[in-house]
Amino acid sequence: MGKPIEISKIKIIQDERPNRRAYIADFEEPVQYGVHGGVKEFYKAVPEEEHPSTLDHIVSAAGG
């Protein structure tokens, strides 16, 4: 097997549920995660502020 070309270095911080911050190496600002739309309704969550879910991130990465 060859050498890896990239190793992800990510630190996740759980804020008040359902919000999380992901600090990704080489980027100063965190990526905000939470719930909105159908995900919010499914979990019956009432967030103070809506953010993209991790599912949104995965779908956008796969479609990239």
N, C-alpha and C. Protein backbone atom coordinates (compact mmCIF):
# COMPACT_ATOMS: atom_id res chain seq x y z
N MET A 1 0.84 -1.17 0.00
CA MET A 1 0.00 0.00 0.00
C MET A 1 0.89 1.24 0.00
N GLY A 2 0.50 2.25 -0.78
CA GLY A 2 1.26 3.49 -0.85
C GLY A 2 1.08 4.37 0.38
N LYS A 3 1.81 5.46 0.39
CA LYS A 3 1.70 6.41 1.49
C LYS A 3 0.40 7.20 1.36
N PRO A 4 -0.24 7.51 2.50
CA PRO A 4 -1.46 8.32 2.42
C PRO A 4 -1.13 9.72 1.90
N ILE A 5 -2.05 10.28 1.13
CA ILE A 5 -1.83 11.62 0.61
C ILE A 5 -2.40 12.69 1.54
N GLU A 6 -3.28 12.29 2.45
CA GLU A 6 -3.88 13.23 3.39
C GLU A 6 -4.34 12.49 4.63
N ILE A 7 -4.14 13.08 5.76
CA ILE A 7 -4.67 12.56 7.02
C ILE A 7 -5.49 13.69 7.63
N SER A 8 -6.78 13.44 7.82
CA SER A 8 -7.66 14.47 8.38
C SER A 8 -7.40 14.65 9.86
N LYS A 9 -7.27 15.89 10.26
CA LYS A 9 -7.10 16.23 11.67
C LYS A 9 -8.26 17.14 12.04
N ILE A 10 -9.22 16.58 12.77
CA ILE A 10 -10.45 17.29 13.09
C ILE A 10 -10.74 17.14 14.57
N LYS A 11 -11.14 18.24 15.19
CA LYS A 11 -11.53 18.23 16.59
C LYS A 11 -13.00 18.68 16.65
N ILE A 12 -13.85 17.85 17.27
CA ILE A 12 -15.28 18.15 17.38
C ILE A 12 -15.58 18.58 18.82
N ILE A 13 -16.31 19.67 18.96
CA ILE A 13 -16.71 20.14 20.28
C ILE A 13 -18.23 20.13 20.33
N GLN A 14 -18.77 19.43 21.32
CA GLN A 14 -20.23 19.37 21.51
C GLN A 14 -20.65 20.60 22.31
N ASP A 15 -21.44 21.45 21.69
CA ASP A 15 -22.01 22.60 22.40
C ASP A 15 -23.36 22.15 22.94
N GLU A 16 -24.21 23.11 23.25
CA GLU A 16 -25.56 22.73 23.70
C GLU A 16 -26.23 21.96 22.58
N ARG A 17 -26.69 20.78 22.89
CA ARG A 17 -27.29 19.91 21.87
C ARG A 17 -28.41 20.64 21.15
N PRO A 18 -28.46 20.50 19.83
CA PRO A 18 -27.75 19.58 18.95
C PRO A 18 -26.55 20.21 18.25
N ASN A 19 -26.05 21.32 18.74
CA ASN A 19 -24.99 22.04 18.03
C ASN A 19 -23.60 21.51 18.34
N ARG A 20 -22.78 21.46 17.28
CA ARG A 20 -21.39 21.01 17.39
C ARG A 20 -20.52 21.91 16.53
N ARG A 21 -19.26 22.02 16.91
CA ARG A 21 -18.28 22.76 16.12
C ARG A 21 -17.18 21.78 15.71
N ALA A 22 -16.81 21.83 14.44
CA ALA A 22 -15.73 20.99 13.94
C ALA A 22 -14.57 21.89 13.55
N TYR A 23 -13.45 21.71 14.22
CA TYR A 23 -12.23 22.45 13.87
C TYR A 23 -11.40 21.54 12.97
N ILE A 24 -11.19 22.00 11.76
CA ILE A 24 -10.47 21.22 10.76
C ILE A 24 -9.09 21.85 10.59
N ALA A 25 -8.06 21.01 10.63
CA ALA A 25 -6.68 21.50 10.54
C ALA A 25 -6.52 22.47 9.38
N ASP A 26 -5.72 23.50 9.61
CA ASP A 26 -5.39 24.52 8.63
C ASP A 26 -6.50 25.54 8.37
N PHE A 27 -7.63 25.44 9.09
CA PHE A 27 -8.71 26.41 8.98
C PHE A 27 -8.99 26.98 10.36
N GLU A 28 -8.97 28.30 10.48
CA GLU A 28 -9.15 28.93 11.78
C GLU A 28 -10.59 28.85 12.27
N GLU A 29 -11.54 29.09 11.39
CA GLU A 29 -12.95 29.12 11.79
C GLU A 29 -13.53 27.71 11.81
N PRO A 30 -14.35 27.40 12.81
CA PRO A 30 -14.95 26.07 12.86
C PRO A 30 -16.11 25.94 11.88
N VAL A 31 -16.44 24.72 11.54
CA VAL A 31 -17.64 24.41 10.77
C VAL A 31 -18.73 24.15 11.80
N GLN A 32 -19.86 24.84 11.67
CA GLN A 32 -20.96 24.68 12.61
C GLN A 32 -21.91 23.60 12.12
N TYR A 33 -22.30 22.72 13.02
CA TYR A 33 -23.28 21.68 12.70
C TYR A 33 -24.42 21.77 13.69
N GLY A 34 -25.59 21.41 13.23
CA GLY A 34 -26.77 21.39 14.08
C GLY A 34 -27.88 20.66 13.36
N VAL A 35 -29.08 21.24 13.41
CA VAL A 35 -30.22 20.65 12.72
C VAL A 35 -31.04 21.75 12.07
N HIS A 36 -31.82 21.35 11.06
CA HIS A 36 -32.75 22.25 10.37
C HIS A 36 -33.73 21.38 9.60
N GLY A 37 -34.78 21.97 9.11
CA GLY A 37 -35.72 21.29 8.22
C GLY A 37 -36.21 19.94 8.72
N GLY A 38 -36.14 18.95 7.85
CA GLY A 38 -36.64 17.61 8.15
C GLY A 38 -35.92 16.94 9.31
N VAL A 39 -34.64 17.18 9.43
CA VAL A 39 -33.88 16.59 10.55
C VAL A 39 -34.39 17.17 11.87
N LYS A 40 -34.62 18.46 11.88
CA LYS A 40 -35.15 19.14 13.07
C LYS A 40 -36.52 18.56 13.44
N GLU A 41 -37.37 18.39 12.44
CA GLU A 41 -38.70 17.83 12.68
C GLU A 41 -38.62 16.38 13.16
N PHE A 42 -37.75 15.59 12.54
CA PHE A 42 -37.62 14.18 12.92
C PHE A 42 -37.24 14.04 14.40
N TYR A 43 -36.28 14.84 14.84
CA TYR A 43 -35.83 14.76 16.23
C TYR A 43 -36.65 15.64 17.17
N LYS A 44 -37.65 16.33 16.62
CA LYS A 44 -38.47 17.24 17.42
C LYS A 44 -37.61 18.22 18.20
N ALA A 45 -36.58 18.70 17.54
CA ALA A 45 -35.64 19.64 18.14
C ALA A 45 -36.13 21.07 17.91
N VAL A 46 -35.83 21.92 18.86
CA VAL A 46 -36.16 23.33 18.75
C VAL A 46 -34.89 24.13 19.02
N PRO A 47 -33.99 24.17 18.01
CA PRO A 47 -32.73 24.88 18.23
C PRO A 47 -32.93 26.39 18.24
N GLU A 48 -32.08 27.09 19.00
CA GLU A 48 -32.12 28.55 18.99
C GLU A 48 -31.74 29.08 17.61
N GLU A 49 -30.78 28.40 16.99
CA GLU A 49 -30.31 28.78 15.66
C GLU A 49 -30.13 27.51 14.83
N GLU A 50 -30.60 27.53 13.60
CA GLU A 50 -30.48 26.36 12.74
C GLU A 50 -29.13 26.37 12.04
N HIS A 51 -28.54 25.18 11.91
CA HIS A 51 -27.28 24.99 11.20
C HIS A 51 -27.42 23.76 10.32
N PRO A 52 -26.56 23.62 9.29
CA PRO A 52 -26.56 22.41 8.49
C PRO A 52 -26.25 21.20 9.37
N SER A 53 -26.82 20.07 9.00
CA SER A 53 -26.54 18.84 9.73
C SER A 53 -25.30 18.16 9.14
N THR A 54 -24.78 17.20 9.85
CA THR A 54 -23.65 16.45 9.30
C THR A 54 -24.07 15.72 8.03
N LEU A 55 -25.33 15.33 7.96
CA LEU A 55 -25.85 14.68 6.75
C LEU A 55 -25.72 15.61 5.54
N ASP A 56 -26.01 16.89 5.73
CA ASP A 56 -25.84 17.87 4.64
C ASP A 56 -24.39 17.89 4.15
N HIS A 57 -23.47 17.84 5.08
CA HIS A 57 -22.05 17.89 4.76
C HIS A 57 -21.64 16.65 3.94
N ILE A 58 -22.11 15.49 4.36
CA ILE A 58 -21.78 14.25 3.65
C ILE A 58 -22.36 14.26 2.24
N VAL A 59 -23.61 14.68 2.10
CA VAL A 59 -24.25 14.71 0.78
C VAL A 59 -23.54 15.69 -0.14
N SER A 60 -23.18 16.87 0.39
CA SER A 60 -22.50 17.85 -0.47
C SER A 60 -21.11 17.37 -0.87
N ALA A 61 -20.43 16.66 0.02
CA ALA A 61 -19.10 16.14 -0.31
C ALA A 61 -19.20 15.05 -1.39
N ALA A 62 -20.20 14.21 -1.29
CA ALA A 62 -20.36 13.13 -2.27
C ALA A 62 -20.76 13.68 -3.63
N GLY A 63 -21.50 14.78 -3.65
CA GLY A 63 -21.94 15.37 -4.91
C GLY A 63 -20.90 16.25 -5.55
N GLY A 64 -19.82 16.56 -4.79
CA GLY A 64 -18.81 17.52 -5.22
C GLY A 64 -18.12 17.14 -6.47
